């Protein structure tokens, strides 16, 4: 069975204490025909988009492709749960990658600091001799 995907993200605004901090443009995605697995992957990808402060997410709708019919409630539950799980996996993977990069940056910064301290120590040792 093939599906049609329609996802719309409305304009949204970020206000803080009455001041406009940022604006976010709308977006409209229409895809089809998609297999069930492709539909699940696309829904997960769209749901995993990282939104900024007060940015509205996508309103996701899908239907059976040609003829256009409403997807049954049971099938919709299955697709939504699979897409949700896949979306969580994508977000978790991004979180792990981000954490790994942050850890590497900290490690590199500590190593750089250590090298700088050793260089200062060597200069002082040369200048004043051994302790």
N, C-alpha and C. Protein backbone atom coordinates (compact mmCIF):
# COMPACT_ATOMS: atom_id res chain seq x y z
N UNK A 1 0.84 -1.16 0.00
CA UNK A 1 0.00 0.00 0.00
C UNK A 1 0.90 1.24 0.00
N UNK A 2 0.51 2.24 -0.76
CA UNK A 2 1.27 3.48 -0.86
C UNK A 2 0.56 4.59 -0.10
N UNK A 3 1.37 5.55 0.39
CA UNK A 3 0.84 6.63 1.21
C UNK A 3 1.28 7.98 0.67
N UNK A 4 0.52 9.00 1.04
CA UNK A 4 0.80 10.40 0.71
C UNK A 4 1.04 11.11 2.03
N UNK A 5 2.11 11.89 2.12
CA UNK A 5 2.46 12.61 3.35
C UNK A 5 2.33 14.11 3.11
N UNK A 6 1.69 14.79 4.04
CA UNK A 6 1.51 16.24 3.98
C UNK A 6 1.88 16.80 5.35
N UNK A 7 2.95 17.59 5.41
CA UNK A 7 3.39 18.16 6.69
C UNK A 7 3.51 19.67 6.53
N UNK A 8 2.90 20.41 7.45
CA UNK A 8 2.90 21.86 7.39
C UNK A 8 3.38 22.44 8.71
N UNK A 9 4.32 23.37 8.63
CA UNK A 9 4.82 24.08 9.81
C UNK A 9 4.44 25.55 9.64
N UNK A 10 3.58 26.07 10.53
CA UNK A 10 3.14 27.46 10.38
C UNK A 10 4.22 28.46 10.79
N UNK A 11 4.04 29.71 10.36
CA UNK A 11 4.89 30.78 10.85
C UNK A 11 4.78 30.81 12.37
N UNK A 12 5.87 31.11 13.04
CA UNK A 12 5.81 31.25 14.49
C UNK A 12 6.79 32.32 14.93
N UNK A 13 6.58 32.79 16.15
CA UNK A 13 7.35 33.92 16.66
C UNK A 13 7.82 33.63 18.07
N UNK A 14 8.97 34.17 18.42
CA UNK A 14 9.52 34.02 19.76
C UNK A 14 9.51 35.40 20.42
N UNK A 15 8.68 35.54 21.44
CA UNK A 15 8.62 36.78 22.20
C UNK A 15 9.18 36.55 23.59
N UNK A 16 9.89 37.54 24.11
CA UNK A 16 10.37 37.50 25.48
C UNK A 16 10.09 38.86 26.11
N UNK A 17 9.28 38.86 27.13
CA UNK A 17 8.90 40.08 27.84
C UNK A 17 8.40 41.15 26.86
N UNK A 18 7.60 40.73 25.90
CA UNK A 18 6.99 41.65 24.95
C UNK A 18 7.86 42.03 23.77
N UNK A 19 9.09 41.57 23.73
CA UNK A 19 9.99 41.90 22.63
C UNK A 19 10.08 40.72 21.65
N UNK A 20 10.03 41.03 20.38
CA UNK A 20 10.17 40.00 19.36
C UNK A 20 11.64 39.60 19.27
N UNK A 21 11.92 38.33 19.63
CA UNK A 21 13.29 37.84 19.65
C UNK A 21 13.67 37.17 18.32
N UNK A 22 12.69 36.47 17.72
CA UNK A 22 12.99 35.74 16.49
C UNK A 22 11.69 35.39 15.78
N UNK A 23 11.77 35.17 14.48
CA UNK A 23 10.63 34.71 13.70
C UNK A 23 11.03 33.45 12.96
N UNK A 24 10.06 32.59 12.73
CA UNK A 24 10.32 31.33 12.05
C UNK A 24 9.34 31.19 10.89
N UNK A 25 9.87 30.90 9.72
CA UNK A 25 9.04 30.81 8.53
C UNK A 25 8.29 29.49 8.46
N UNK A 26 7.20 29.52 7.73
CA UNK A 26 6.42 28.30 7.53
C UNK A 26 7.14 27.39 6.54
N UNK A 27 6.71 26.14 6.54
CA UNK A 27 7.28 25.16 5.62
C UNK A 27 6.18 24.18 5.28
N UNK A 28 6.19 23.67 4.06
CA UNK A 28 5.16 22.71 3.64
C UNK A 28 5.85 21.59 2.88
N UNK A 29 5.65 20.38 3.34
CA UNK A 29 6.27 19.21 2.71
C UNK A 29 5.16 18.29 2.23
N UNK A 30 5.21 17.92 0.97
CA UNK A 30 4.26 16.96 0.41
C UNK A 30 5.08 15.88 -0.29
N UNK A 31 4.89 14.63 0.13
CA UNK A 31 5.64 13.52 -0.44
C UNK A 31 4.69 12.38 -0.79
N UNK A 32 5.00 11.68 -1.82
CA UNK A 32 4.20 10.52 -2.18
C UNK A 32 4.50 10.12 -3.61
N UNK A 33 4.23 8.92 -3.98
CA UNK A 33 3.78 7.82 -3.14
C UNK A 33 4.95 7.26 -2.31
N UNK A 34 4.62 6.85 -1.10
CA UNK A 34 5.61 6.30 -0.18
C UNK A 34 5.15 4.94 0.32
N UNK A 35 6.10 4.03 0.49
CA UNK A 35 5.77 2.76 1.12
C UNK A 35 5.58 3.03 2.62
N UNK A 36 5.10 2.05 3.36
CA UNK A 36 4.87 2.25 4.79
C UNK A 36 6.18 2.57 5.50
N UNK A 37 7.25 1.87 5.17
CA UNK A 37 8.55 2.13 5.80
C UNK A 37 9.08 3.51 5.45
N UNK A 38 8.93 3.92 4.19
CA UNK A 38 9.35 5.26 3.79
C UNK A 38 8.54 6.32 4.53
N UNK A 39 7.24 6.08 4.68
CA UNK A 39 6.37 7.00 5.41
C UNK A 39 6.84 7.15 6.85
N UNK A 40 7.11 6.02 7.49
CA UNK A 40 7.57 6.03 8.88
C UNK A 40 8.88 6.79 9.00
N UNK A 41 9.81 6.55 8.08
CA UNK A 41 11.10 7.24 8.11
C UNK A 41 10.94 8.75 7.92
N UNK A 42 10.07 9.14 6.99
CA UNK A 42 9.86 10.57 6.73
C UNK A 42 9.19 11.25 7.92
N UNK A 43 8.20 10.60 8.52
CA UNK A 43 7.54 11.17 9.70
C UNK A 43 8.55 11.32 10.83
N UNK A 44 9.36 10.29 11.03
CA UNK A 44 10.38 10.35 12.09
C UNK A 44 11.38 11.47 11.82
N UNK A 45 11.80 11.61 10.56
CA UNK A 45 12.75 12.66 10.20
C UNK A 45 12.15 14.05 10.47
N UNK A 46 10.90 14.22 10.10
CA UNK A 46 10.23 15.52 10.31
C UNK A 46 10.05 15.79 11.79
N UNK A 47 9.64 14.77 12.55
CA UNK A 47 9.43 14.96 13.99
C UNK A 47 10.74 15.17 14.73
N UNK A 48 11.85 14.71 14.17
CA UNK A 48 13.15 14.84 14.82
C UNK A 48 13.83 16.18 14.52
N UNK A 49 13.20 17.02 13.70
CA UNK A 49 13.78 18.32 13.41
C UNK A 49 13.90 19.10 14.72
N UNK A 50 15.09 19.63 14.96
CA UNK A 50 15.31 20.38 16.20
C UNK A 50 14.71 21.78 16.04
N UNK A 51 13.74 22.08 16.90
CA UNK A 51 13.07 23.37 16.88
C UNK A 51 13.75 24.32 17.86
N UNK A 52 13.72 25.59 17.51
CA UNK A 52 14.29 26.59 18.40
C UNK A 52 13.22 27.07 19.38
N UNK A 53 13.59 27.97 20.27
CA UNK A 53 12.69 28.45 21.32
C UNK A 53 11.39 28.99 20.71
N UNK A 54 10.27 28.47 21.18
CA UNK A 54 8.92 28.88 20.77
C UNK A 54 8.63 28.67 19.27
N UNK A 55 9.41 27.86 18.59
CA UNK A 55 9.13 27.55 17.19
C UNK A 55 8.13 26.41 17.14
N UNK A 56 7.08 26.61 16.37
CA UNK A 56 6.06 25.58 16.25
C UNK A 56 6.55 24.45 15.35
N UNK A 57 6.12 23.24 15.68
CA UNK A 57 6.52 22.07 14.89
C UNK A 57 5.57 21.84 13.72
N UNK A 58 5.79 20.73 13.06
CA UNK A 58 5.00 20.37 11.89
C UNK A 58 3.68 19.71 12.30
N UNK A 59 2.63 20.03 11.55
CA UNK A 59 1.36 19.31 11.63
C UNK A 59 1.43 18.26 10.53
N UNK A 60 1.44 16.99 10.92
CA UNK A 60 1.67 15.91 9.97
C UNK A 60 0.37 15.16 9.70
N UNK A 61 0.06 15.01 8.42
CA UNK A 61 -1.11 14.24 7.98
C UNK A 61 -0.66 13.30 6.87
N UNK A 62 -1.30 12.16 6.79
CA UNK A 62 -1.00 11.25 5.69
C UNK A 62 -2.26 10.47 5.35
N UNK A 63 -2.28 9.98 4.14
CA UNK A 63 -3.44 9.22 3.68
C UNK A 63 -2.97 8.18 2.68
N UNK A 64 -3.86 7.28 2.37
CA UNK A 64 -3.55 6.27 1.36
C UNK A 64 -3.45 6.97 0.01
N UNK A 65 -2.43 6.63 -0.73
CA UNK A 65 -2.19 7.27 -2.02
C UNK A 65 -3.02 6.60 -3.10
N UNK A 66 -3.79 7.34 -3.77
CA UNK A 66 -4.55 6.99 -4.97
C UNK A 66 -5.39 5.74 -4.84
N UNK A 67 -6.62 5.78 -4.64
CA UNK A 67 -7.36 7.02 -4.44
C UNK A 67 -7.15 7.54 -3.03
N UNK A 68 -7.26 8.84 -2.87
CA UNK A 68 -7.04 9.44 -1.56
C UNK A 68 -8.17 9.03 -0.64
N UNK A 69 -7.79 8.34 0.43
CA UNK A 69 -8.75 7.87 1.43
C UNK A 69 -8.12 8.13 2.80
N UNK A 70 -8.93 8.22 3.79
CA UNK A 70 -8.44 8.40 5.15
C UNK A 70 -7.88 7.07 5.64
N UNK A 71 -6.70 7.12 6.26
CA UNK A 71 -6.07 5.93 6.81
C UNK A 71 -6.86 5.51 8.05
N UNK A 72 -7.08 4.21 8.20
CA UNK A 72 -7.84 3.72 9.34
C UNK A 72 -7.16 4.09 10.66
N UNK A 73 -7.95 4.19 11.70
CA UNK A 73 -7.45 4.57 13.01
C UNK A 73 -6.39 3.58 13.50
N UNK A 74 -6.62 2.30 13.32
CA UNK A 74 -5.68 1.28 13.78
C UNK A 74 -4.34 1.40 13.04
N UNK A 75 -4.42 1.57 11.72
CA UNK A 75 -3.20 1.70 10.92
C UNK A 75 -2.46 2.98 11.30
N UNK A 76 -3.20 4.05 11.55
CA UNK A 76 -2.60 5.32 11.94
C UNK A 76 -1.85 5.17 13.27
N UNK A 77 -2.43 4.44 14.22
CA UNK A 77 -1.77 4.21 15.50
C UNK A 77 -0.45 3.47 15.32
N UNK A 78 -0.46 2.45 14.47
CA UNK A 78 0.75 1.66 14.22
C UNK A 78 1.83 2.54 13.60
N UNK A 79 1.47 3.29 12.57
CA UNK A 79 2.43 4.15 11.88
C UNK A 79 2.96 5.22 12.82
N UNK A 80 2.05 5.85 13.58
CA UNK A 80 2.48 6.90 14.51
C UNK A 80 3.42 6.37 15.57
N UNK A 81 3.14 5.19 16.11
CA UNK A 81 4.01 4.64 17.15
C UNK A 81 5.38 4.26 16.59
N UNK A 82 5.41 3.67 15.39
CA UNK A 82 6.69 3.33 14.78
C UNK A 82 7.49 4.60 14.45
N UNK A 83 6.82 5.62 13.93
CA UNK A 83 7.49 6.87 13.60
C UNK A 83 8.00 7.55 14.86
N UNK A 84 7.23 7.50 15.93
CA UNK A 84 7.64 8.10 17.20
C UNK A 84 8.89 7.41 17.74
N UNK A 85 8.90 6.09 17.70
CA UNK A 85 10.07 5.34 18.17
C UNK A 85 11.31 5.67 17.34
N UNK A 86 11.12 5.70 16.02
CA UNK A 86 12.25 6.01 15.14
C UNK A 86 12.72 7.44 15.36
N UNK A 87 11.78 8.37 15.57
CA UNK A 87 12.14 9.76 15.86
C UNK A 87 12.94 9.87 17.14
N UNK A 88 12.55 9.11 18.17
CA UNK A 88 13.29 9.11 19.43
C UNK A 88 14.69 8.57 19.22
N UNK A 89 14.82 7.53 18.41
CA UNK A 89 16.14 6.97 18.12
C UNK A 89 17.02 8.00 17.42
N UNK A 90 16.45 8.73 16.47
CA UNK A 90 17.21 9.75 15.74
C UNK A 90 17.66 10.84 16.71
N UNK A 91 16.75 11.30 17.57
CA UNK A 91 17.10 12.34 18.54
C UNK A 91 18.18 11.85 19.50
N UNK A 92 18.05 10.61 19.96
CA UNK A 92 19.03 10.04 20.89
C UNK A 92 20.40 9.93 20.22
N UNK A 93 20.41 9.53 18.95
CA UNK A 93 21.67 9.42 18.22
C UNK A 93 22.32 10.79 18.08
N UNK A 94 21.52 11.82 17.76
CA UNK A 94 22.05 13.18 17.67
C UNK A 94 22.61 13.63 19.02
N UNK A 95 21.87 13.31 20.08
CA UNK A 95 22.29 13.71 21.43
C UNK A 95 23.63 13.05 21.78
N UNK A 96 23.78 11.76 21.45
CA UNK A 96 25.03 11.05 21.73
C UNK A 96 26.18 11.65 20.93
N UNK A 97 25.92 11.95 19.64
CA UNK A 97 26.96 12.54 18.80
C UNK A 97 27.38 13.90 19.34
N UNK A 98 26.40 14.70 19.76
CA UNK A 98 26.69 16.02 20.31
C UNK A 98 27.49 15.88 21.60
N UNK A 99 27.10 14.93 22.45
CA UNK A 99 27.80 14.70 23.71
C UNK A 99 29.23 14.25 23.45
N UNK A 100 29.40 13.38 22.47
CA UNK A 100 30.73 12.89 22.12
C UNK A 100 31.62 14.04 21.62
N UNK A 101 31.05 14.93 20.81
CA UNK A 101 31.81 16.07 20.31
C UNK A 101 32.20 17.01 21.46
N UNK A 102 31.26 17.25 22.37
CA UNK A 102 31.55 18.11 23.51
C UNK A 102 32.65 17.50 24.38
N UNK A 103 32.57 16.18 24.60
CA UNK A 103 33.58 15.49 25.40
C UNK A 103 34.94 15.62 24.73
N UNK A 104 34.99 15.44 23.41
CA UNK A 104 36.25 15.54 22.67
C UNK A 104 36.81 16.95 22.76
N UNK A 105 35.93 17.97 22.68
CA UNK A 105 36.39 19.35 22.80
C UNK A 105 37.00 19.60 24.17
N UNK A 106 36.35 19.09 25.23
CA UNK A 106 36.88 19.26 26.58
C UNK A 106 38.22 18.56 26.72
N UNK A 107 38.31 17.35 26.17
CA UNK A 107 39.56 16.59 26.23
C UNK A 107 40.67 17.34 25.51
N UNK A 108 40.37 17.88 24.32
CA UNK A 108 41.36 18.63 23.55
C UNK A 108 41.78 19.90 24.29
N UNK A 109 40.81 20.58 24.93
CA UNK A 109 41.12 21.79 25.67
C UNK A 109 42.04 21.48 26.86
N UNK A 110 41.77 20.38 27.57
CA UNK A 110 42.62 19.98 28.69
C UNK A 110 44.02 19.63 28.22
N UNK A 111 44.11 18.93 27.11
CA UNK A 111 45.42 18.56 26.56
C UNK A 111 46.20 19.80 26.14
N UNK A 112 45.52 20.77 25.54
CA UNK A 112 46.16 22.01 25.13
C UNK A 112 46.65 22.77 26.36
N UNK A 113 45.82 22.83 27.40
CA UNK A 113 46.20 23.50 28.63
C UNK A 113 47.42 22.83 29.26
N UNK A 114 47.42 21.51 29.24
CA UNK A 114 48.55 20.75 29.80
C UNK A 114 49.83 21.06 29.03
N UNK A 115 49.74 21.10 27.71
CA UNK A 115 50.92 21.39 26.88
C UNK A 115 51.43 22.81 27.15
N UNK A 116 50.51 23.75 27.31
CA UNK A 116 50.91 25.13 27.60
C UNK A 116 51.61 25.22 28.96
N UNK A 117 51.07 24.51 29.96
CA UNK A 117 51.68 24.51 31.28
C UNK A 117 53.06 23.86 31.26
N UNK A 118 53.20 22.77 30.49
CA UNK A 118 54.51 22.13 30.36
C UNK A 118 55.52 23.05 29.69
N UNK A 119 55.07 23.81 28.71
CA UNK A 119 55.96 24.75 28.02
C UNK A 119 56.42 25.84 28.98
N UNK A 120 55.49 26.35 29.81
CA UNK A 120 55.85 27.37 30.81
C UNK A 120 56.82 26.78 31.82
N UNK A 121 56.53 25.54 32.26
CA UNK A 121 57.41 24.87 33.24
C UNK A 121 58.83 24.72 32.67
N UNK A 122 58.93 24.31 31.40
CA UNK A 122 60.25 24.14 30.77
C UNK A 122 61.00 25.45 30.71
N UNK A 123 60.29 26.53 30.37
CA UNK A 123 60.93 27.84 30.30
C UNK A 123 61.45 28.26 31.68
N UNK A 124 60.62 28.06 32.69
CA UNK A 124 61.03 28.41 34.05
C UNK A 124 62.20 27.55 34.51
N UNK A 125 62.18 26.27 34.16
CA UNK A 125 63.25 25.34 34.55
C UNK A 125 64.56 25.77 33.89
N UNK A 126 64.49 26.17 32.60
CA UNK A 126 65.67 26.63 31.90
C UNK A 126 66.21 27.92 32.51
N UNK A 127 65.29 28.79 32.89
CA UNK A 127 65.68 30.08 33.43
C UNK A 127 66.27 29.97 34.84
N UNK A 128 65.63 29.15 35.69
CA UNK A 128 66.05 29.09 37.10
C UNK A 128 66.76 27.78 37.47
N UNK A 129 66.83 26.88 36.54
CA UNK A 129 67.54 25.63 36.80
C UNK A 129 66.64 24.60 37.48
N UNK A 130 67.20 23.39 37.75
CA UNK A 130 66.39 22.34 38.37
C UNK A 130 66.01 22.72 39.81
N UNK A 131 64.92 22.14 40.29
CA UNK A 131 64.41 22.46 41.63
C UNK A 131 65.28 21.92 42.72
